[in-house]
PDB file of all heavy atoms in Angstrom:
ATOM      1  N   ALA A   1     -22.832   2.730  10.854  1.00  0.00           N
ATOM      2  CA  ALA A   1     -23.013   1.333  11.369  1.00  0.00           C
ATOM      3  C   ALA A   1     -22.050   0.305  10.672  1.00  0.00           C
ATOM      4  O   ALA A   1     -22.004  -0.907  10.999  1.00  0.00           O
ATOM      5  CB  ALA A   1     -24.437   0.964  11.030  1.00  0.00           C
ATOM      6  N   ALA A   2     -21.091   0.818   9.885  1.00  0.00           N
ATOM      7  CA  ALA A   2     -20.164  -0.100   9.293  1.00  0.00           C
ATOM      8  C   ALA A   2     -19.134  -0.514  10.207  1.00  0.00           C
ATOM      9  O   ALA A   2     -18.686   0.321  11.110  1.00  0.00           O
ATOM     10  CB  ALA A   2     -19.602   0.528   8.064  1.00  0.00           C
ATOM     11  N   PRO A   3     -18.666  -1.744  10.267  1.00  0.00           N
ATOM     12  CA  PRO A   3     -17.633  -2.193  11.220  1.00  0.00           C
ATOM     13  C   PRO A   3     -16.306  -1.703  10.821  1.00  0.00           C
ATOM     14  O   PRO A   3     -15.919  -1.528   9.687  1.00  0.00           O
ATOM     15  CB  PRO A   3     -17.754  -3.779  11.229  1.00  0.00           C
ATOM     16  CG  PRO A   3     -18.247  -4.031   9.819  1.00  0.00           C
ATOM     17  CD  PRO A   3     -19.013  -2.885   9.380  1.00  0.00           C
ATOM     18  N   GLU A   4     -15.366  -1.621  11.891  1.00  0.00           N
ATOM     19  CA  GLU A   4     -14.012  -1.292  11.636  1.00  0.00           C
ATOM     20  C   GLU A   4     -13.214  -2.701  11.292  1.00  0.00           C
ATOM     21  O   GLU A   4     -13.745  -3.758  11.625  1.00  0.00           O
ATOM     22  CB  GLU A   4     -13.400  -0.773  12.884  1.00  0.00           C
ATOM     23  CG  GLU A   4     -11.822  -0.629  12.958  1.00  0.00           C
ATOM     24  CD  GLU A   4     -11.505   0.448  11.842  1.00  0.00           C
ATOM     25  OE1 GLU A   4     -11.796   1.643  11.920  1.00  0.00           O
ATOM     26  OE2 GLU A   4     -10.859   0.003  10.753  1.00  0.00           O
ATOM     27  N   THR A   5     -12.258  -2.563  10.393  1.00  0.00           N
ATOM     28  CA  THR A   5     -11.411  -3.696  10.009  1.00  0.00           C
ATOM     29  C   THR A   5     -10.097  -3.799  10.454  1.00  0.00           C
ATOM     30  O   THR A   5      -9.342  -4.600  10.076  1.00  0.00           O
ATOM     31  CB  THR A   5     -11.517  -3.814   8.456  1.00  0.00           C
ATOM     32  OG1 THR A   5     -10.995  -2.605   7.871  1.00  0.00           O
ATOM     33  CG2 THR A   5     -12.976  -4.061   7.961  1.00  0.00           C
ATOM     34  N   ARG A   6      -9.665  -2.779  11.187  1.00  0.00           N
ATOM     35  CA  ARG A   6      -8.305  -2.702  11.555  1.00  0.00           C
ATOM     36  C   ARG A   6      -8.157  -2.740  13.154  1.00  0.00           C
ATOM     37  O   ARG A   6      -8.558  -1.787  13.799  1.00  0.00           O
ATOM     38  CB  ARG A   6      -7.695  -1.373  11.228  1.00  0.00           C
ATOM     39  CG  ARG A   6      -6.284  -1.003  11.730  1.00  0.00           C
ATOM     40  CD  ARG A   6      -5.236  -2.046  11.113  1.00  0.00           C
ATOM     41  NE  ARG A   6      -3.882  -1.739  11.469  1.00  0.00           N
ATOM     42  CZ  ARG A   6      -3.242  -2.096  12.567  1.00  0.00           C
ATOM     43  NH1 ARG A   6      -3.889  -2.826  13.520  1.00  0.00           N
ATOM     44  NH2 ARG A   6      -2.018  -1.766  12.713  1.00  0.00           N
ATOM     45  N   PRO A   7      -7.950  -3.923  13.667  1.00  0.00           N
ATOM     46  CA  PRO A   7      -7.840  -4.142  15.121  1.00  0.00           C
ATOM     47  C   PRO A   7      -6.649  -3.522  15.735  1.00  0.00           C
ATOM     48  O   PRO A   7      -5.680  -3.475  15.145  1.00  0.00           O
ATOM     49  CB  PRO A   7      -7.851  -5.623  15.367  1.00  0.00           C
ATOM     50  CG  PRO A   7      -7.257  -6.228  14.009  1.00  0.00           C
ATOM     51  CD  PRO A   7      -7.658  -5.231  12.928  1.00  0.00           C
ATOM     52  N   LYS A   8      -6.807  -3.001  16.930  1.00  0.00           N
ATOM     53  CA  LYS A   8      -5.778  -2.352  17.551  1.00  0.00           C
ATOM     54  C   LYS A   8      -4.484  -3.390  17.961  1.00  0.00           C
ATOM     55  O   LYS A   8      -3.448  -2.893  18.182  1.00  0.00           O
ATOM     56  CB  LYS A   8      -6.201  -1.649  18.872  1.00  0.00           C
ATOM     57  CG  LYS A   8      -7.271  -0.517  18.637  1.00  0.00           C
ATOM     58  CD  LYS A   8      -7.632   0.139  19.948  1.00  0.00           C
ATOM     59  CE  LYS A   8      -8.625   1.219  19.604  1.00  0.00           C
ATOM     60  NZ  LYS A   8      -9.044   1.810  20.844  1.00  0.00           N
ATOM     61  N   SER A   9      -4.922  -4.636  18.020  1.00  0.00           N
ATOM     62  CA  SER A   9      -3.904  -5.612  18.438  1.00  0.00           C
ATOM     63  C   SER A   9      -2.997  -5.895  17.294  1.00  0.00           C
ATOM     64  O   SER A   9      -1.977  -6.541  17.547  1.00  0.00           O
ATOM     65  CB  SER A   9      -4.610  -6.843  18.902  1.00  0.00           C
ATOM     66  OG  SER A   9      -5.442  -7.494  17.785  1.00  0.00           O
ATOM     67  N   LEU A  10      -3.323  -5.519  16.050  1.00  0.00           N
ATOM     68  CA  LEU A  10      -2.377  -5.931  14.875  1.00  0.00           C
ATOM     69  C   LEU A  10      -1.259  -4.996  14.955  1.00  0.00           C
ATOM     70  O   LEU A  10      -1.307  -3.853  14.852  1.00  0.00           O
ATOM     71  CB  LEU A  10      -3.153  -5.719  13.527  1.00  0.00           C
ATOM     72  CG  LEU A  10      -2.476  -6.245  12.358  1.00  0.00           C
ATOM     73  CD1 LEU A  10      -2.268  -7.757  12.480  1.00  0.00           C
ATOM     74  CD2 LEU A  10      -3.160  -5.988  11.092  1.00  0.00           C
ATOM     75  N   SER A  11      -0.079  -5.574  14.984  1.00  0.00           N
ATOM     76  CA  SER A  11       1.209  -4.828  14.994  1.00  0.00           C
ATOM     77  C   SER A  11       1.582  -4.238  13.658  1.00  0.00           C
ATOM     78  O   SER A  11       1.147  -4.721  12.634  1.00  0.00           O
ATOM     79  CB  SER A  11       2.383  -5.741  15.398  1.00  0.00           C
ATOM     80  OG  SER A  11       2.608  -6.766  14.367  1.00  0.00           O
ATOM     81  N   VAL A  12       2.139  -3.041  13.716  1.00  0.00           N
ATOM     82  CA  VAL A  12       2.431  -2.316  12.507  1.00  0.00           C
ATOM     83  C   VAL A  12       3.807  -2.674  12.012  1.00  0.00           C
ATOM     84  O   VAL A  12       4.811  -2.677  12.851  1.00  0.00           O
ATOM     85  CB  VAL A  12       2.379  -0.848  12.714  1.00  0.00           C
ATOM     86  CG1 VAL A  12       2.756  -0.018  11.482  1.00  0.00           C
ATOM     87  CG2 VAL A  12       1.022  -0.297  13.111  1.00  0.00           C
ATOM     88  N   ALA A  13       3.914  -3.193  10.826  1.00  0.00           N
ATOM     89  CA  ALA A  13       5.175  -3.584  10.221  1.00  0.00           C
ATOM     90  C   ALA A  13       6.096  -2.428   9.869  1.00  0.00           C
ATOM     91  O   ALA A  13       5.742  -1.270  10.032  1.00  0.00           O
ATOM     92  CB  ALA A  13       4.970  -4.414   8.948  1.00  0.00           C
ATOM     93  N   SER A  14       7.321  -2.715   9.514  1.00  0.00           N
ATOM     94  CA  SER A  14       8.188  -1.633   9.098  1.00  0.00           C
ATOM     95  C   SER A  14       7.672  -0.880   8.053  1.00  0.00           C
ATOM     96  O   SER A  14       7.056  -1.427   7.066  1.00  0.00           O
ATOM     97  CB  SER A  14       9.606  -2.366   8.759  1.00  0.00           C
ATOM     98  OG  SER A  14       9.385  -3.135   7.733  1.00  0.00           O
ATOM     99  N   SER A  15       7.924   0.412   7.963  1.00  0.00           N
ATOM    100  CA  SER A  15       7.221   1.366   7.125  1.00  0.00           C
ATOM    101  C   SER A  15       7.647   0.950   5.605  1.00  0.00           C
ATOM    102  O   SER A  15       6.973   1.431   4.676  1.00  0.00           O
ATOM    103  CB  SER A  15       7.653   2.785   7.529  1.00  0.00           C
ATOM    104  OG  SER A  15       8.996   2.950   7.278  1.00  0.00           O
ATOM    105  N   GLY A  16       8.822   0.458   5.414  1.00  0.00           N
ATOM    106  CA  GLY A  16       9.199   0.181   3.988  1.00  0.00           C
ATOM    107  C   GLY A  16       8.800  -1.087   3.398  1.00  0.00           C
ATOM    108  O   GLY A  16       9.209  -1.377   2.302  1.00  0.00           O
ATOM    109  N   SER A  17       8.154  -2.001   4.088  1.00  0.00           N
ATOM    110  CA  SER A  17       7.886  -3.379   3.600  1.00  0.00           C
ATOM    111  C   SER A  17       7.269  -3.351   2.235  1.00  0.00           C
ATOM    112  O   SER A  17       7.608  -4.153   1.394  1.00  0.00           O
ATOM    113  CB  SER A  17       7.055  -4.194   4.570  1.00  0.00           C
ATOM    114  OG  SER A  17       5.939  -3.586   4.887  1.00  0.00           O
ATOM    115  N   GLY A  18       6.183  -2.593   2.044  1.00  0.00           N
ATOM    116  CA  GLY A  18       5.451  -2.620   0.777  1.00  0.00           C
ATOM    117  C   GLY A  18       6.276  -1.806  -0.295  1.00  0.00           C
ATOM    118  O   GLY A  18       6.318  -2.119  -1.470  1.00  0.00           O
ATOM    119  N   LEU A  19       6.947  -0.785   0.117  1.00  0.00           N
ATOM    120  CA  LEU A  19       7.633   0.134  -0.817  1.00  0.00           C
ATOM    121  C   LEU A  19       8.944  -0.668  -1.373  1.00  0.00           C
ATOM    122  O   LEU A  19       9.520  -0.232  -2.361  1.00  0.00           O
ATOM    123  CB  LEU A  19       8.080   1.368  -0.244  1.00  0.00           C
ATOM    124  CG  LEU A  19       6.945   2.281   0.110  1.00  0.00           C
ATOM    125  CD1 LEU A  19       7.479   3.533   0.977  1.00  0.00           C
ATOM    126  CD2 LEU A  19       6.327   2.871  -1.271  1.00  0.00           C
ATOM    127  N   ARG A  20       9.350  -1.634  -0.674  1.00  0.00           N
ATOM    128  CA  ARG A  20      10.581  -2.333  -1.244  1.00  0.00           C
ATOM    129  C   ARG A  20      10.372  -3.400  -2.185  1.00  0.00           C
ATOM    130  O   ARG A  20      11.236  -3.973  -2.895  1.00  0.00           O
ATOM    131  CB  ARG A  20      11.285  -3.002  -0.004  1.00  0.00           C
ATOM    132  CG  ARG A  20      12.018  -1.965   0.887  1.00  0.00           C
ATOM    133  CD  ARG A  20      13.116  -2.719   1.729  1.00  0.00           C
ATOM    134  NE  ARG A  20      12.440  -3.598   2.711  1.00  0.00           N
ATOM    135  CZ  ARG A  20      12.200  -3.348   3.939  1.00  0.00           C
ATOM    136  NH1 ARG A  20      12.577  -2.137   4.476  1.00  0.00           N
ATOM    137  NH2 ARG A  20      11.655  -4.193   4.823  1.00  0.00           N
ATOM    138  N   ASP A  21       8.913  -3.731  -2.483  1.00  0.00           N
ATOM    139  CA  ASP A  21       8.670  -4.662  -3.466  1.00  0.00           C
ATOM    140  C   ASP A  21       9.009  -4.192  -4.822  1.00  0.00           C
ATOM    141  O   ASP A  21       8.434  -3.088  -5.196  1.00  0.00           O
ATOM    142  CB  ASP A  21       7.165  -5.083  -3.329  1.00  0.00           C
ATOM    143  CG  ASP A  21       6.872  -6.394  -3.966  1.00  0.00           C
ATOM    144  OD1 ASP A  21       7.192  -6.409  -5.228  1.00  0.00           O
ATOM    145  OD2 ASP A  21       6.259  -7.244  -3.404  1.00  0.00           O
ATOM    146  N   PRO A  22       9.803  -4.882  -5.667  1.00  0.00           N
ATOM    147  CA  PRO A  22      10.050  -4.430  -6.987  1.00  0.00           C
ATOM    148  C   PRO A  22       8.820  -4.245  -7.861  1.00  0.00           C
ATOM    149  O   PRO A  22       8.754  -3.437  -8.880  1.00  0.00           O
ATOM    150  CB  PRO A  22      11.065  -5.278  -7.568  1.00  0.00           C
ATOM    151  CG  PRO A  22      10.834  -6.566  -6.707  1.00  0.00           C
ATOM    152  CD  PRO A  22      10.509  -6.063  -5.320  1.00  0.00           C
ATOM    153  N   ARG A  23       7.738  -5.047  -7.691  1.00  0.00           N
ATOM    154  CA  ARG A  23       6.555  -4.954  -8.421  1.00  0.00           C
ATOM    155  C   ARG A  23       5.913  -3.562  -8.303  1.00  0.00           C
ATOM    156  O   ARG A  23       5.340  -3.077  -9.255  1.00  0.00           O
ATOM    157  CB  ARG A  23       5.621  -6.076  -7.974  1.00  0.00           C
ATOM    158  CG  ARG A  23       5.933  -7.448  -8.508  1.00  0.00           C
ATOM    159  CD  ARG A  23       4.739  -8.322  -8.228  1.00  0.00           C
ATOM    160  NE  ARG A  23       3.575  -7.967  -8.983  1.00  0.00           N
ATOM    161  CZ  ARG A  23       3.377  -8.336 -10.192  1.00  0.00           C
ATOM    162  NH1 ARG A  23       4.188  -9.086 -10.891  1.00  0.00           N
ATOM    163  NH2 ARG A  23       2.209  -7.819 -10.769  1.00  0.00           N
ATOM    164  N   PHE A  24       5.997  -2.936  -7.144  1.00  0.00           N
ATOM    165  CA  PHE A  24       5.517  -1.698  -6.905  1.00  0.00           C
ATOM    166  C   PHE A  24       6.200  -0.692  -7.831  1.00  0.00           C
ATOM    167  O   PHE A  24       5.531   0.191  -8.406  1.00  0.00           O
ATOM    168  CB  PHE A  24       5.573  -1.245  -5.474  1.00  0.00           C
ATOM    169  CG  PHE A  24       4.853   0.092  -5.150  1.00  0.00           C
ATOM    170  CD1 PHE A  24       3.468   0.221  -5.111  1.00  0.00           C
ATOM    171  CD2 PHE A  24       5.682   1.182  -4.953  1.00  0.00           C
ATOM    172  CE1 PHE A  24       2.841   1.448  -4.820  1.00  0.00           C
ATOM    173  CE2 PHE A  24       5.166   2.439  -4.643  1.00  0.00           C
ATOM    174  CZ  PHE A  24       3.739   2.560  -4.671  1.00  0.00           C
ATOM    175  N   TRP A  25       7.512  -0.690  -7.819  1.00  0.00           N
ATOM    176  CA  TRP A  25       8.353   0.263  -8.556  1.00  0.00           C
ATOM    177  C   TRP A  25       8.208   0.081  -9.991  1.00  0.00           C
ATOM    178  O   TRP A  25       8.100   1.118 -10.736  1.00  0.00           O
ATOM    179  CB  TRP A  25       9.765   0.233  -8.052  1.00  0.00           C
ATOM    180  CG  TRP A  25       9.933   0.794  -6.715  1.00  0.00           C
ATOM    181  CD1 TRP A  25       9.925   0.050  -5.570  1.00  0.00           C
ATOM    182  CD2 TRP A  25       9.892   2.094  -6.275  1.00  0.00           C
ATOM    183  NE1 TRP A  25      10.065   0.865  -4.482  1.00  0.00           N
ATOM    184  CE2 TRP A  25      10.002   2.212  -4.907  1.00  0.00           C
ATOM    185  CE3 TRP A  25       9.764   3.390  -6.939  1.00  0.00           C
ATOM    186  CZ2 TRP A  25      10.082   3.365  -4.222  1.00  0.00           C
ATOM    187  CZ3 TRP A  25       9.862   4.574  -6.405  1.00  0.00           C
ATOM    188  CH2 TRP A  25       9.995   4.578  -4.954  1.00  0.00           C
ATOM    189  N   TRP A  26       8.120  -1.141 -10.515  1.00  0.00           N
ATOM    190  CA  TRP A  26       8.117  -1.350 -11.952  1.00  0.00           C
ATOM    191  C   TRP A  26       6.714  -1.469 -12.540  1.00  0.00           C
ATOM    192  O   TRP A  26       6.568  -1.273 -13.720  1.00  0.00           O
ATOM    193  CB  TRP A  26       8.900  -2.607 -12.285  1.00  0.00           C
ATOM    194  CG  TRP A  26      10.393  -2.414 -12.072  1.00  0.00           C
ATOM    195  CD1 TRP A  26      11.145  -2.948 -11.095  1.00  0.00           C
ATOM    196  CD2 TRP A  26      11.186  -1.643 -12.852  1.00  0.00           C
ATOM    197  NE1 TRP A  26      12.460  -2.551 -11.174  1.00  0.00           N
ATOM    198  CE2 TRP A  26      12.555  -1.735 -12.420  1.00  0.00           C
ATOM    199  CE3 TRP A  26      10.998  -0.835 -14.088  1.00  0.00           C
ATOM    200  CZ2 TRP A  26      13.609  -0.971 -12.810  1.00  0.00           C
ATOM    201  CZ3 TRP A  26      12.217  -0.146 -14.574  1.00  0.00           C
ATOM    202  CH2 TRP A  26      13.446  -0.287 -14.021  1.00  0.00           C
ATOM    203  N   LEU A  27       5.783  -1.905 -11.833  1.00  0.00           N
ATOM    204  CA  LEU A  27       4.464  -2.175 -12.359  1.00  0.00           C
ATOM    205  C   LEU A  27       3.326  -1.359 -11.853  1.00  0.00           C
ATOM    206  O   LEU A  27       2.199  -1.469 -12.373  1.00  0.00           O
ATOM    207  CB  LEU A  27       4.050  -3.687 -11.992  1.00  0.00           C
ATOM    208  CG  LEU A  27       4.980  -4.690 -12.719  1.00  0.00           C
ATOM    209  CD1 LEU A  27       4.487  -6.129 -12.352  1.00  0.00           C
ATOM    210  CD2 LEU A  27       5.080  -4.513 -14.203  1.00  0.00           C
ATOM    211  N   VAL A  28       3.601  -0.475 -10.887  1.00  0.00           N
ATOM    212  CA  VAL A  28       2.670   0.455 -10.327  1.00  0.00           C
ATOM    213  C   VAL A  28       3.030   1.857 -10.506  1.00  0.00           C
ATOM    214  O   VAL A  28       2.208   2.739 -11.067  1.00  0.00           O
ATOM    215  CB  VAL A  28       2.242   0.209  -8.831  1.00  0.00           C
ATOM    216  CG1 VAL A  28       1.282   1.267  -8.238  1.00  0.00           C
ATOM    217  CG2 VAL A  28       1.617  -1.271  -8.596  1.00  0.00           C
ATOM    218  N   VAL A  29       4.260   2.274 -10.087  1.00  0.00           N
ATOM    219  CA  VAL A  29       4.613   3.557 -10.176  1.00  0.00           C
ATOM    220  C   VAL A  29       4.692   4.161 -11.564  1.00  0.00           C
ATOM    221  O   VAL A  29       4.142   5.316 -11.783  1.00  0.00           O
ATOM    222  CB  VAL A  29       6.215   3.618  -9.615  1.00  0.00           C
ATOM    223  CG1 VAL A  29       6.741   5.046  -9.870  1.00  0.00           C
ATOM    224  CG2 VAL A  29       6.140   3.464  -8.093  1.00  0.00           C
ATOM    225  N   PRO A  30       5.094   3.404 -12.597  1.00  0.00           N
ATOM    226  CA  PRO A  30       4.976   4.028 -13.957  1.00  0.00           C
ATOM    227  C   PRO A  30       3.504   4.316 -14.466  1.00  0.00           C
ATOM    228  O   PRO A  30       3.292   5.180 -15.246  1.00  0.00           O
ATOM    229  CB  PRO A  30       5.755   3.015 -14.927  1.00  0.00           C
ATOM    230  CG  PRO A  30       6.560   2.221 -13.922  1.00  0.00           C
ATOM    231  CD  PRO A  30       5.732   2.144 -12.673  1.00  0.00           C
ATOM    232  N   VAL A  31       2.633   3.470 -13.969  1.00  0.00           N
ATOM    233  CA  VAL A  31       1.246   3.556 -14.453  1.00  0.00           C
ATOM    234  C   VAL A  31       0.427   4.583 -13.689  1.00  0.00           C
ATOM    235  O   VAL A  31      -0.409   5.171 -14.191  1.00  0.00           O
ATOM    236  CB  VAL A  31       0.582   2.087 -14.335  1.00  0.00           C
ATOM    237  CG1 VAL A  31      -0.875   2.316 -14.671  1.00  0.00           C
ATOM    238  CG2 VAL A  31       1.319   1.150 -15.113  1.00  0.00           C
ATOM    239  N   ALA A  32       0.777   4.768 -12.392  1.00  0.00           N
ATOM    240  CA  ALA A  32      -0.067   5.597 -11.533  1.00  0.00           C
ATOM    241  C   ALA A  32      -0.366   7.016 -12.003  1.00  0.00           C
ATOM    242  O   ALA A  32      -1.489   7.453 -11.931  1.00  0.00           O
ATOM    243  CB  ALA A  32       0.608   5.601 -10.111  1.00  0.00           C
ATOM    244  N   PRO A  33       0.619   7.710 -12.542  1.00  0.00           N
ATOM    245  CA  PRO A  33       0.322   9.125 -12.938  1.00  0.00           C
ATOM    246  C   PRO A  33      -0.741   9.154 -13.985  1.00  0.00           C
ATOM    247  O   PRO A  33      -1.480  10.115 -14.283  1.00  0.00           O
ATOM    248  CB  PRO A  33       1.661   9.678 -13.466  1.00  0.00           C
ATOM    249  CG  PRO A  33       2.743   8.907 -12.732  1.00  0.00           C
ATOM    250  CD  PRO A  33       2.070   7.577 -12.688  1.00  0.00           C
ATOM    251  N   TRP A  34      -0.797   8.056 -14.956  1.00  0.00           N
ATOM    252  CA  TRP A  34      -1.710   8.083 -15.942  1.00  0.00           C
ATOM    253  C   TRP A  34      -3.144   7.857 -15.514  1.00  0.00           C
ATOM    254  O   TRP A  34      -4.089   8.169 -16.195  1.00  0.00           O
ATOM    255  CB  TRP A  34      -1.384   7.079 -17.044  1.00  0.00           C
ATOM    256  CG  TRP A  34      -0.173   7.185 -17.664  1.00  0.00           C
ATOM    257  CD1 TRP A  34       1.129   6.645 -17.441  1.00  0.00           C
ATOM    258  CD2 TRP A  34       0.180   8.141 -18.816  1.00  0.00           C
ATOM    259  NE1 TRP A  34       2.155   7.107 -18.353  1.00  0.00           N
ATOM    260  CE2 TRP A  34       1.493   8.007 -19.118  1.00  0.00           C
ATOM    261  CE3 TRP A  34      -0.685   8.909 -19.534  1.00  0.00           C
ATOM    262  CZ2 TRP A  34       2.070   8.703 -20.100  1.00  0.00           C
ATOM    263  CZ3 TRP A  34      -0.107   9.648 -20.570  1.00  0.00           C
ATOM    264  CH2 TRP A  34       1.230   9.582 -20.881  1.00  0.00           C
ATOM    265  N   VAL A  35      -3.339   7.359 -14.291  1.00  0.00           N
ATOM    266  CA  VAL A  35      -4.690   7.216 -13.746  1.00  0.00           C
ATOM    267  C   VAL A  35      -5.525   8.445 -13.813  1.00  0.00           C
ATOM    268  O   VAL A  35      -6.704   8.449 -14.217  1.00  0.00           O
ATOM    269  CB  VAL A  35      -4.596   6.728 -12.392  1.00  0.00           C
ATOM    270  CG1 VAL A  35      -5.985   6.707 -11.638  1.00  0.00           C
ATOM    271  CG2 VAL A  35      -4.068   5.272 -12.297  1.00  0.00           C
ATOM    272  N   PHE A  36      -5.004   9.626 -13.398  1.00  0.00           N
ATOM    273  CA  PHE A  36      -5.772  10.745 -13.309  1.00  0.00           C
ATOM    274  C   PHE A  36      -5.262  11.786 -14.405  1.00  0.00           C
ATOM    275  O   PHE A  36      -5.965  12.811 -14.585  1.00  0.00           O
ATOM    276  CB  PHE A  36      -5.553  11.457 -11.890  1.00  0.00           C
ATOM    277  CG  PHE A  36      -6.455  10.935 -10.914  1.00  0.00           C
ATOM    278  CD1 PHE A  36      -5.922  10.719  -9.584  1.00  0.00           C
ATOM    279  CD2 PHE A  36      -7.679  10.490 -11.232  1.00  0.00           C
ATOM    280  CE1 PHE A  36      -6.832  10.143  -8.650  1.00  0.00           C
ATOM    281  CE2 PHE A  36      -8.709   9.919 -10.242  1.00  0.00           C
ATOM    282  CZ  PHE A  36      -8.163   9.730  -8.951  1.00  0.00           C
ATOM    283  N   LEU A  37      -4.149  11.467 -15.094  1.00  0.00           N
ATOM    284  CA  LEU A  37      -3.852  12.342 -16.289  1.00  0.00           C
ATOM    285  C   LEU A  37      -4.822  12.289 -17.234  1.00  0.00           C
ATOM    286  O   LEU A  37      -5.277  13.244 -17.827  1.00  0.00           O
ATOM    287  CB  LEU A  37      -2.487  12.009 -16.750  1.00  0.00           C
ATOM    288  CG  LEU A  37      -2.008  12.878 -17.974  1.00  0.00           C
ATOM    289  CD1 LEU A  37      -0.450  12.927 -17.861  1.00  0.00           C
ATOM    290  CD2 LEU A  37      -2.369  12.338 -19.283  1.00  0.00           C
TER     291      LEU A  37
END
């Protein structure tokens, strides 16, 4: 009974938009492996 939150009308952006953000590479990538280690 939970609603969907992703409408079909929303266009998909270029695949690299989030990955190009330097915050992801410097503030998420070094930390991520420690999450489950």
